[in-house]
Amino acid sequence: MVDIAAKILGIVLGISRNPSLSQDLMRIAILGFALTEAIALFALMMAFLILFAF
């Protein structure tokens, strides 16, 4: 949760410093958020697999 908040804060600071890059920064932010969530879901899947398979 802290990692996501740090990414959002970085995007807000980046856009406030250079508004012309807002489209690129938002694209990178959405990609970073999606990858973070995918890793968390993968870890949850592995935990359930280990819990119920062995």
PDB file of N, CA and C in Angstrom:
ATOM      1  N   MET A   1       0.822  -1.186   0.000  1.00  0.00           N
ATOM      2  CA  MET A   1       0.000   0.000   0.000  1.00  0.00           C
ATOM      3  C   MET A   1       0.867   1.251   0.000  1.00  0.00           C
ATOM      4  N   VAL A   2       1.963   1.216   0.727  1.00  0.00           N
ATOM      5  CA  VAL A   2       2.851   2.375   0.784  1.00  0.00           C
ATOM      6  C   VAL A   2       3.509   2.601  -0.574  1.00  0.00           C
ATOM      7  N   ASP A   3       3.809   1.521  -1.267  1.00  0.00           N
ATOM      8  CA  ASP A   3       4.447   1.634  -2.579  1.00  0.00           C
ATOM      9  C   ASP A   3       3.534   2.343  -3.577  1.00  0.00           C
ATOM     10  N   ILE A   4       2.260   2.025  -3.544  1.00  0.00           N
ATOM     11  CA  ILE A   4       1.312   2.658  -4.460  1.00  0.00           C
ATOM     12  C   ILE A   4       1.190   4.140  -4.142  1.00  0.00           C
ATOM     13  N   ALA A   5       1.127   4.478  -2.856  1.00  0.00           N
ATOM     14  CA  ALA A   5       1.030   5.888  -2.468  1.00  0.00           C
ATOM     15  C   ALA A   5       2.273   6.662  -2.890  1.00  0.00           C
ATOM     16  N   ALA A   6       3.430   6.044  -2.792  1.00  0.00           N
ATOM     17  CA  ALA A   6       4.668   6.714  -3.213  1.00  0.00           C
ATOM     18  C   ALA A   6       4.675   6.952  -4.720  1.00  0.00           C
ATOM     19  N   LYS A   7       4.144   6.002  -5.477  1.00  0.00           N
ATOM     20  CA  LYS A   7       4.075   6.187  -6.933  1.00  0.00           C
ATOM     21  C   LYS A   7       3.118   7.311  -7.307  1.00  0.00           C
ATOM     22  N   ILE A   8       1.965   7.357  -6.639  1.00  0.00           N
ATOM     23  CA  ILE A   8       0.996   8.423  -6.921  1.00  0.00           C
ATOM     24  C   ILE A   8       1.599   9.782  -6.559  1.00  0.00           C
ATOM     25  N   LEU A   9       2.285   9.854  -5.422  1.00  0.00           N
ATOM     26  CA  LEU A   9       2.932  11.103  -5.016  1.00  0.00           C
ATOM     27  C   LEU A   9       3.985  11.522  -6.030  1.00  0.00           C
ATOM     28  N   GLY A  10       4.754  10.582  -6.530  1.00  0.00           N
ATOM     29  CA  GLY A  10       5.758  10.898  -7.542  1.00  0.00           C
ATOM     30  C   GLY A  10       5.141  11.421  -8.825  1.00  0.00           C
ATOM     31  N   ILE A  11       4.015  10.847  -9.209  1.00  0.00           N
ATOM     32  CA  ILE A  11       3.331  11.311 -10.420  1.00  0.00           C
ATOM     33  C   ILE A  11       2.793  12.721 -10.223  1.00  0.00           C
ATOM     34  N   VAL A  12       2.200  12.990  -9.059  1.00  0.00           N
ATOM     35  CA  VAL A  12       1.679  14.334  -8.781  1.00  0.00           C
ATOM     36  C   VAL A  12       2.809  15.354  -8.789  1.00  0.00           C
ATOM     37  N   LEU A  13       3.926  15.016  -8.175  1.00  0.00           N
ATOM     38  CA  LEU A  13       5.066  15.938  -8.175  1.00  0.00           C
ATOM     39  C   LEU A  13       5.629  16.125  -9.577  1.00  0.00           C
ATOM     40  N   GLY A  14       5.699  15.055 -10.346  1.00  0.00           N
ATOM     41  CA  GLY A  14       6.205  15.160 -11.712  1.00  0.00           C
ATOM     42  C   GLY A  14       5.324  16.013 -12.599  1.00  0.00           C
ATOM     43  N   ILE A  15       4.011  15.853 -12.464  1.00  0.00           N
ATOM     44  CA  ILE A  15       3.087  16.655 -13.271  1.00  0.00           C
ATOM     45  C   ILE A  15       3.122  18.111 -12.837  1.00  0.00           C
ATOM     46  N   SER A  16       3.271  18.355 -11.529  1.00  0.00           N
ATOM     47  CA  SER A  16       3.323  19.750 -11.073  1.00  0.00           C
ATOM     48  C   SER A  16       4.607  20.439 -11.521  1.00  0.00           C
ATOM     49  N   ARG A  17       5.679  19.698 -11.687  1.00  0.00           N
ATOM     50  CA  ARG A  17       6.934  20.300 -12.154  1.00  0.00           C
ATOM     51  C   ARG A  17       6.956  20.500 -13.663  1.00  0.00           C
ATOM     52  N   ASN A  18       6.353  19.575 -14.397  1.00  0.00           N
ATOM     53  CA  ASN A  18       6.372  19.668 -15.857  1.00  0.00           C
ATOM     54  C   ASN A  18       5.019  19.202 -16.406  1.00  0.00           C
ATOM     55  N   PRO A  19       4.050  20.114 -16.502  1.00  0.00           N
ATOM     56  CA  PRO A  19       2.702  19.717 -16.936  1.00  0.00           C
ATOM     57  C   PRO A  19       2.638  19.168 -18.360  1.00  0.00           C
ATOM     58  N   SER A  20       3.613  19.475 -19.187  1.00  0.00           N
ATOM     59  CA  SER A  20       3.562  18.985 -20.566  1.00  0.00           C
ATOM     60  C   SER A  20       3.793  17.475 -20.661  1.00  0.00           C
ATOM     61  N   LEU A  21       4.326  16.879 -19.621  1.00  0.00           N
ATOM     62  CA  LEU A  21       4.566  15.429 -19.617  1.00  0.00           C
ATOM     63  C   LEU A  21       3.454  14.644 -18.923  1.00  0.00           C
ATOM     64  N   SER A  22       2.311  15.282 -18.695  1.00  0.00           N
ATOM     65  CA  SER A  22       1.266  14.624 -17.911  1.00  0.00           C
ATOM     66  C   SER A  22       0.757  13.342 -18.574  1.00  0.00           C
ATOM     67  N   GLN A  23       0.618  13.325 -19.899  1.00  0.00           N
ATOM     68  CA  GLN A  23       0.137  12.117 -20.578  1.00  0.00           C
ATOM     69  C   GLN A  23       1.119  10.960 -20.411  1.00  0.00           C
ATOM     70  N   ASP A  24       2.393  11.239 -20.601  1.00  0.00           N
ATOM     71  CA  ASP A  24       3.403  10.178 -20.464  1.00  0.00           C
ATOM     72  C   ASP A  24       3.499   9.687 -19.026  1.00  0.00           C
ATOM     73  N   LEU A  25       3.453  10.615 -18.071  1.00  0.00           N
ATOM     74  CA  LEU A  25       3.554  10.219 -16.670  1.00  0.00           C
ATOM     75  C   LEU A  25       2.342   9.406 -16.229  1.00  0.00           C
ATOM     76  N   MET A  26       1.158   9.769 -16.702  1.00  0.00           N
ATOM     77  CA  MET A  26      -0.028   8.991 -16.340  1.00  0.00           C
ATOM     78  C   MET A  26       0.027   7.593 -16.949  1.00  0.00           C
ATOM     79  N   ARG A  27       0.531   7.479 -18.161  1.00  0.00           N
ATOM     80  CA  ARG A  27       0.665   6.162 -18.796  1.00  0.00           C
ATOM     81  C   ARG A  27       1.623   5.285 -17.987  1.00  0.00           C
ATOM     82  N   ILE A  28       2.738   5.856 -17.574  1.00  0.00           N
ATOM     83  CA  ILE A  28       3.707   5.105 -16.777  1.00  0.00           C
ATOM     84  C   ILE A  28       3.124   4.751 -15.416  1.00  0.00           C
ATOM     85  N   ALA A  29       2.364   5.676 -14.823  1.00  0.00           N
ATOM     86  CA  ALA A  29       1.757   5.420 -13.511  1.00  0.00           C
ATOM     87  C   ALA A  29       0.751   4.280 -13.583  1.00  0.00           C
ATOM     88  N   ILE A  30      -0.075   4.274 -14.609  1.00  0.00           N
ATOM     89  CA  ILE A  30      -1.073   3.207 -14.748  1.00  0.00           C
ATOM     90  C   ILE A  30      -0.389   1.867 -14.984  1.00  0.00           C
ATOM     91  N   LEU A  31       0.657   1.862 -15.782  1.00  0.00           N
ATOM     92  CA  LEU A  31       1.408   0.627 -16.016  1.00  0.00           C
ATOM     93  C   LEU A  31       2.063   0.134 -14.725  1.00  0.00           C
ATOM     94  N   GLY A  32       2.657   1.033 -13.963  1.00  0.00           N
ATOM     95  CA  GLY A  32       3.273   0.652 -12.693  1.00  0.00           C
ATOM     96  C   GLY A  32       2.261   0.120 -11.700  1.00  0.00           C
ATOM     97  N   PHE A  33       1.097   0.758 -11.639  1.00  0.00           N
ATOM     98  CA  PHE A  33       0.044   0.292 -10.742  1.00  0.00           C
ATOM     99  C   PHE A  33      -0.434  -1.095 -11.149  1.00  0.00           C
ATOM    100  N   ALA A  34      -0.616  -1.308 -12.445  1.00  0.00           N
ATOM    101  CA  ALA A  34      -1.079  -2.612 -12.929  1.00  0.00           C
ATOM    102  C   ALA A  34      -0.053  -3.705 -12.637  1.00  0.00           C
ATOM    103  N   LEU A  35       1.218  -3.407 -12.835  1.00  0.00           N
ATOM    104  CA  LEU A  35       2.253  -4.412 -12.557  1.00  0.00           C
ATOM    105  C   LEU A  35       2.347  -4.720 -11.069  1.00  0.00           C
ATOM    106  N   THR A  36       2.198  -3.698 -10.231  1.00  0.00           N
ATOM    107  CA  THR A  36       2.220  -3.916  -8.785  1.00  0.00           C
ATOM    108  C   THR A  36       1.069  -4.818  -8.360  1.00  0.00           C
ATOM    109  N   GLU A  37      -0.116  -4.548  -8.876  1.00  0.00           N
ATOM    110  CA  GLU A  37      -1.272  -5.372  -8.536  1.00  0.00           C
ATOM    111  C   GLU A  37      -1.121  -6.793  -9.087  1.00  0.00           C
ATOM    112  N   ALA A  38      -0.541  -6.933 -10.266  1.00  0.00           N
ATOM    113  CA  ALA A  38      -0.354  -8.265 -10.844  1.00  0.00           C
ATOM    114  C   ALA A  38       0.604  -9.099  -9.997  1.00  0.00           C
ATOM    115  N   ILE A  39       1.653  -8.474  -9.504  1.00  0.00           N
ATOM    116  CA  ILE A  39       2.601  -9.203  -8.653  1.00  0.00           C
ATOM    117  C   ILE A  39       1.929  -9.623  -7.352  1.00  0.00           C
ATOM    118  N   ALA A  40       1.101  -8.740  -6.782  1.00  0.00           N
ATOM    119  CA  ALA A  40       0.391  -9.084  -5.547  1.00  0.00           C
ATOM    120  C   ALA A  40      -0.580 -10.238  -5.780  1.00  0.00           C
ATOM    121  N   LEU A  41      -1.294 -10.212  -6.887  1.00  0.00           N
ATOM    122  CA  LEU A  41      -2.220 -11.311  -7.185  1.00  0.00           C
ATOM    123  C   LEU A  41      -1.479 -12.615  -7.460  1.00  0.00           C
ATOM    124  N   PHE A  42      -0.326 -12.525  -8.103  1.00  0.00           N
ATOM    125  CA  PHE A  42       0.480 -13.721  -8.339  1.00  0.00           C
ATOM    126  C   PHE A  42       0.964 -14.311  -7.016  1.00  0.00           C
ATOM    127  N   ALA A  43       1.385 -13.460  -6.091  1.00  0.00           N
ATOM    128  CA  ALA A  43       1.825 -13.940  -4.779  1.00  0.00           C
ATOM    129  C   ALA A  43       0.670 -14.586  -4.018  1.00  0.00           C
ATOM    130  N   LEU A  44      -0.511 -13.998  -4.106  1.00  0.00           N
ATOM    131  CA  LEU A  44      -1.680 -14.585  -3.457  1.00  0.00           C
ATOM    132  C   LEU A  44      -2.023 -15.943  -4.066  1.00  0.00           C
ATOM    133  N   MET A  45      -1.941 -16.041  -5.382  1.00  0.00           N
ATOM    134  CA  MET A  45      -2.208 -17.305  -6.064  1.00  0.00           C
ATOM    135  C   MET A  45      -1.204 -18.373  -5.626  1.00  0.00           C
ATOM    136  N   MET A  46       0.062 -18.010  -5.539  1.00  0.00           N
ATOM    137  CA  MET A  46       1.081 -18.973  -5.109  1.00  0.00           C
ATOM    138  C   MET A  46       0.854 -19.400  -3.662  1.00  0.00           C
ATOM    139  N   ALA A  47       0.434 -18.471  -2.813  1.00  0.00           N
ATOM    140  CA  ALA A  47       0.165 -18.814  -1.417  1.00  0.00           C
ATOM    141  C   ALA A  47      -0.973 -19.825  -1.318  1.00  0.00           C
ATOM    142  N   PHE A  48      -2.049 -19.605  -2.069  1.00  0.00           N
ATOM    143  CA  PHE A  48      -3.152 -20.562  -2.053  1.00  0.00           C
ATOM    144  C   PHE A  48      -2.746 -21.896  -2.664  1.00  0.00           C
ATOM    145  N   LEU A  49      -1.926 -21.859  -3.685  1.00  0.00           N
ATOM    146  CA  LEU A  49      -1.461 -23.095  -4.301  1.00  0.00           C
ATOM    147  C   LEU A  49      -0.639 -23.911  -3.308  1.00  0.00           C
ATOM    148  N   ILE A  50       0.252 -23.262  -2.604  1.00  0.00           N
ATOM    149  CA  ILE A  50       1.069 -23.965  -1.608  1.00  0.00           C
ATOM    150  C   ILE A  50       0.205 -24.455  -0.450  1.00  0.00           C
ATOM    151  N   LEU A  51      -0.758 -23.638  -0.045  1.00  0.00           N
ATOM    152  CA  LEU A  51      -1.611 -23.992   1.087  1.00  0.00           C
ATOM    153  C   LEU A  51      -2.480 -25.209   0.791  1.00  0.00           C
ATOM    154  N   PHE A  52      -3.069 -25.261  -0.382  1.00  0.00           N
ATOM    155  CA  PHE A  52      -4.025 -26.324  -0.674  1.00  0.00           C
ATOM    156  C   PHE A  52      -3.448 -27.484  -1.478  1.00  0.00           C
ATOM    157  N   ALA A  53      -2.276 -27.336  -2.061  1.00  0.00           N
ATOM    158  CA  ALA A  53      -1.724 -28.413  -2.880  1.00  0.00           C
ATOM    159  C   ALA A  53      -0.841 -29.362  -2.076  1.00  0.00           C
ATOM    160  N   PHE A  54      -0.268 -28.881  -1.004  1.00  0.00           N
ATOM    161  CA  PHE A  54       0.666 -29.728  -0.250  1.00  0.00           C
ATOM    162  C   PHE A  54       0.138 -30.059   1.108  1.00  0.00           C
TER     163      PHE A  54
END
